[in-house]
Amino acid sequence: MTSNTDSPGLSKNVVAVLCYLLGVVGGVLFLLIAPYNQDKDIRFHAFQSIFLTIAWVVLSVVFGIVASGPLYTLNFLWPLLSLAGLGLWLFLMFKAYQGERVVLPVIGPLAEQQA
């Protein structure tokens, strides 16, 4: 994916970063706005961002329920998982800015199918 400096508007790599930065909102926004919704790379990043955000919310809820019950000793893992999530989010934005696709397990192939 290369940046489009000839066409008006945002370059592809900036739009890809914004898809991840804004989560579900950014993904949906760039799936609705032309000409970005016509580009397969931007569509991939938008769908992967949406799926990643949903997966993170589900993981947070499930972990909160499990760790609040009899397995409350697992609460020490939450900061580590949060740090890993932050690292993944930053890594995806960095790679998107460089014009590269990182296909995450499970949600990446789903994003490729939708793109």
C-alpha atoms as a PDB file:
ATOM      1  CA  MET A   1       0.000   0.000   0.000  1.00  0.00           C
ATOM      2  CA  THR A   2       1.503   3.310  -1.042  1.00  0.00           C
ATOM      3  CA  SER A   3       0.404   6.772  -0.162  1.00  0.00           C
ATOM      4  CA  ASN A   4      -1.529   8.750  -2.728  1.00  0.00           C
ATOM      5  CA  THR A   5       0.001  12.191  -2.822  1.00  0.00           C
ATOM      6  CA  ASP A   6      -1.567  13.086  -6.199  1.00  0.00           C
ATOM      7  CA  SER A   7      -5.203  12.711  -5.177  1.00  0.00           C
ATOM      8  CA  PRO A   8      -7.007  15.135  -2.884  1.00  0.00           C
ATOM      9  CA  GLY A   9      -7.813  14.093   0.654  1.00  0.00           C
ATOM     10  CA  LEU A  10      -5.899  11.953   3.094  1.00  0.00           C
ATOM     11  CA  SER A  11      -3.238   9.496   1.951  1.00  0.00           C
ATOM     12  CA  LYS A  12      -3.971   5.781   2.209  1.00  0.00           C
ATOM     13  CA  ASN A  13      -1.478   5.192   5.005  1.00  0.00           C
ATOM     14  CA  VAL A  14      -2.946   7.997   7.137  1.00  0.00           C
ATOM     15  CA  VAL A  15      -6.471   6.666   6.616  1.00  0.00           C
ATOM     16  CA  ALA A  16      -5.300   3.151   7.577  1.00  0.00           C
ATOM     17  CA  VAL A  17      -3.804   4.509  10.807  1.00  0.00           C
ATOM     18  CA  LEU A  18      -6.999   6.433  11.557  1.00  0.00           C
ATOM     19  CA  CYS A  19      -9.007   3.224  11.132  1.00  0.00           C
ATOM     20  CA  TYR A  20      -7.068   1.687  14.029  1.00  0.00           C
ATOM     21  CA  LEU A  21      -6.756   4.871  16.072  1.00  0.00           C
ATOM     22  CA  LEU A  22     -10.505   5.484  16.138  1.00  0.00           C
ATOM     23  CA  GLY A  23     -11.532   1.826  16.564  1.00  0.00           C
ATOM     24  CA  VAL A  24     -15.049   0.908  15.480  1.00  0.00           C
ATOM     25  CA  VAL A  25     -15.920   4.538  14.745  1.00  0.00           C
ATOM     26  CA  GLY A  26     -12.937   4.970  12.424  1.00  0.00           C
ATOM     27  CA  GLY A  27     -13.557   1.670  10.689  1.00  0.00           C
ATOM     28  CA  VAL A  28     -17.215   2.413  10.031  1.00  0.00           C
ATOM     29  CA  LEU A  29     -16.460   6.000   9.046  1.00  0.00           C
ATOM     30  CA  PHE A  30     -13.972   5.038   6.345  1.00  0.00           C
ATOM     31  CA  LEU A  31     -16.227   2.236   5.112  1.00  0.00           C
ATOM     32  CA  LEU A  32     -18.887   4.891   4.474  1.00  0.00           C
ATOM     33  CA  ILE A  33     -16.807   7.720   3.002  1.00  0.00           C
ATOM     34  CA  ALA A  34     -15.977   7.643  -0.698  1.00  0.00           C
ATOM     35  CA  PRO A  35     -13.336   7.272  -2.196  1.00  0.00           C
ATOM     36  CA  TYR A  36     -11.849   5.445   0.799  1.00  0.00           C
ATOM     37  CA  ASN A  37     -14.557   2.777   0.793  1.00  0.00           C
ATOM     38  CA  GLN A  38     -13.477   1.771  -2.736  1.00  0.00           C
ATOM     39  CA  ASP A  39      -9.904   0.870  -1.731  1.00  0.00           C
ATOM     40  CA  LYS A  40      -9.306  -2.773  -0.744  1.00  0.00           C
ATOM     41  CA  ASP A  41      -6.415  -1.939   1.582  1.00  0.00           C
ATOM     42  CA  ILE A  42      -8.379   0.676   3.493  1.00  0.00           C
ATOM     43  CA  ARG A  43     -11.388  -1.641   3.654  1.00  0.00           C
ATOM     44  CA  PHE A  44      -9.143  -4.378   5.096  1.00  0.00           C
ATOM     45  CA  HIS A  45      -7.758  -2.084   7.808  1.00  0.00           C
ATOM     46  CA  ALA A  46     -11.247  -0.758   8.581  1.00  0.00           C
ATOM     47  CA  PHE A  47     -12.734  -4.244   8.995  1.00  0.00           C
ATOM     48  CA  GLN A  48      -9.755  -5.541  10.970  1.00  0.00           C
ATOM     49  CA  SER A  49     -10.000  -2.508  13.259  1.00  0.00           C
ATOM     50  CA  ILE A  50     -13.713  -3.108  13.819  1.00  0.00           C
ATOM     51  CA  PHE A  51     -13.222  -6.819  14.508  1.00  0.00           C
ATOM     52  CA  LEU A  52     -10.232  -6.171  16.788  1.00  0.00           C
ATOM     53  CA  THR A  53     -12.141  -3.599  18.837  1.00  0.00           C
ATOM     54  CA  ILE A  54     -15.121  -5.930  19.219  1.00  0.00           C
ATOM     55  CA  ALA A  55     -12.826  -8.830  20.190  1.00  0.00           C
ATOM     56  CA  TRP A  56     -11.083  -6.623  22.765  1.00  0.00           C
ATOM     57  CA  VAL A  57     -14.379  -5.557  24.332  1.00  0.00           C
ATOM     58  CA  VAL A  58     -15.588  -9.177  24.496  1.00  0.00           C
ATOM     59  CA  LEU A  59     -12.261 -10.281  26.019  1.00  0.00           C
ATOM     60  CA  SER A  60     -12.492  -7.474  28.593  1.00  0.00           C
ATOM     61  CA  VAL A  61     -16.021  -8.423  29.621  1.00  0.00           C
ATOM     62  CA  VAL A  62     -15.262 -12.150  29.822  1.00  0.00           C
ATOM     63  CA  PHE A  63     -12.057 -11.552  31.766  1.00  0.00           C
ATOM     64  CA  GLY A  64     -13.874  -9.186  34.121  1.00  0.00           C
ATOM     65  CA  ILE A  65     -16.555 -11.772  34.825  1.00  0.00           C
ATOM     66  CA  VAL A  66     -14.094 -14.630  35.291  1.00  0.00           C
ATOM     67  CA  ALA A  67     -11.667 -12.617  37.411  1.00  0.00           C
ATOM     68  CA  SER A  68     -14.423 -11.246  39.671  1.00  0.00           C
ATOM     69  CA  GLY A  69     -15.661 -14.710  40.607  1.00  0.00           C
ATOM     70  CA  PRO A  70     -13.791 -17.567  42.214  1.00  0.00           C
ATOM     71  CA  LEU A  71     -10.752 -16.887  40.010  1.00  0.00           C
ATOM     72  CA  TYR A  72     -10.183 -13.379  41.400  1.00  0.00           C
ATOM     73  CA  THR A  73      -6.477 -14.185  41.754  1.00  0.00           C
ATOM     74  CA  LEU A  74      -6.237 -13.752  37.972  1.00  0.00           C
ATOM     75  CA  ASN A  75      -6.656  -9.996  38.384  1.00  0.00           C
ATOM     76  CA  PHE A  76      -2.884  -9.566  38.300  1.00  0.00           C
ATOM     77  CA  LEU A  77      -2.972 -10.626  34.634  1.00  0.00           C
ATOM     78  CA  TRP A  78      -5.169  -7.757  33.501  1.00  0.00           C
ATOM     79  CA  PRO A  79      -2.379  -5.126  33.441  1.00  0.00           C
ATOM     80  CA  LEU A  80      -0.249  -7.513  31.367  1.00  0.00           C
ATOM     81  CA  LEU A  81      -3.088  -8.162  28.928  1.00  0.00           C
ATOM     82  CA  SER A  82      -3.784  -4.439  28.680  1.00  0.00           C
ATOM     83  CA  LEU A  83      -0.137  -3.726  27.937  1.00  0.00           C
ATOM     84  CA  ALA A  84      -0.119  -6.459  25.271  1.00  0.00           C
ATOM     85  CA  GLY A  85      -3.276  -4.982  23.740  1.00  0.00           C
ATOM     86  CA  LEU A  86      -1.732  -1.512  23.677  1.00  0.00           C
ATOM     87  CA  GLY A  87       1.404  -2.917  22.063  1.00  0.00           C
ATOM     88  CA  LEU A  88      -0.614  -4.713  19.391  1.00  0.00           C
ATOM     89  CA  TRP A  89      -2.650  -1.578  18.689  1.00  0.00           C
ATOM     90  CA  LEU A  90       0.500   0.561  18.311  1.00  0.00           C
ATOM     91  CA  PHE A  91       2.170  -2.123  16.155  1.00  0.00           C
ATOM     92  CA  LEU A  92      -0.821  -2.276  13.814  1.00  0.00           C
ATOM     93  CA  MET A  93      -0.870   1.510  13.454  1.00  0.00           C
ATOM     94  CA  PHE A  94       2.883   1.578  12.770  1.00  0.00           C
ATOM     95  CA  LYS A  95       2.660  -1.143  10.128  1.00  0.00           C
ATOM     96  CA  ALA A  96      -0.401   0.478   8.533  1.00  0.00           C
ATOM     97  CA  TYR A  97       1.476   3.761   8.295  1.00  0.00           C
ATOM     98  CA  GLN A  98       4.331   1.944   6.567  1.00  0.00           C
ATOM     99  CA  GLY A  99       1.836   0.566   4.055  1.00  0.00           C
ATOM    100  CA  GLU A 100       2.017  -3.024   5.270  1.00  0.00           C
ATOM    101  CA  ARG A 101      -0.807  -5.431   6.067  1.00  0.00           C
ATOM    102  CA  VAL A 102      -0.581  -7.446   9.255  1.00  0.00           C
ATOM    103  CA  VAL A 103      -3.180 -10.193   9.107  1.00  0.00           C
ATOM    104  CA  LEU A 104      -4.131 -11.106  12.668  1.00  0.00           C
ATOM    105  CA  PRO A 105      -5.165 -14.679  13.426  1.00  0.00           C
ATOM    106  CA  VAL A 106      -8.914 -15.369  13.157  1.00  0.00           C
ATOM    107  CA  ILE A 107     -10.040 -11.771  12.546  1.00  0.00           C
ATOM    108  CA  GLY A 108      -7.519 -11.024   9.786  1.00  0.00           C
ATOM    109  CA  PRO A 109      -8.911 -13.579   7.319  1.00  0.00           C
ATOM    110  CA  LEU A 110     -12.430 -12.354   8.124  1.00  0.00           C
ATOM    111  CA  ALA A 111     -11.324  -8.802   7.342  1.00  0.00           C
ATOM    112  CA  GLU A 112      -9.759  -9.965   4.076  1.00  0.00           C
ATOM    113  CA  GLN A 113     -13.007 -11.667   3.067  1.00  0.00           C
ATOM    114  CA  GLN A 114     -14.994  -8.495   3.758  1.00  0.00           C
ATOM    115  CA  ALA A 115     -12.514  -6.224   1.982  1.00  0.00           C
END
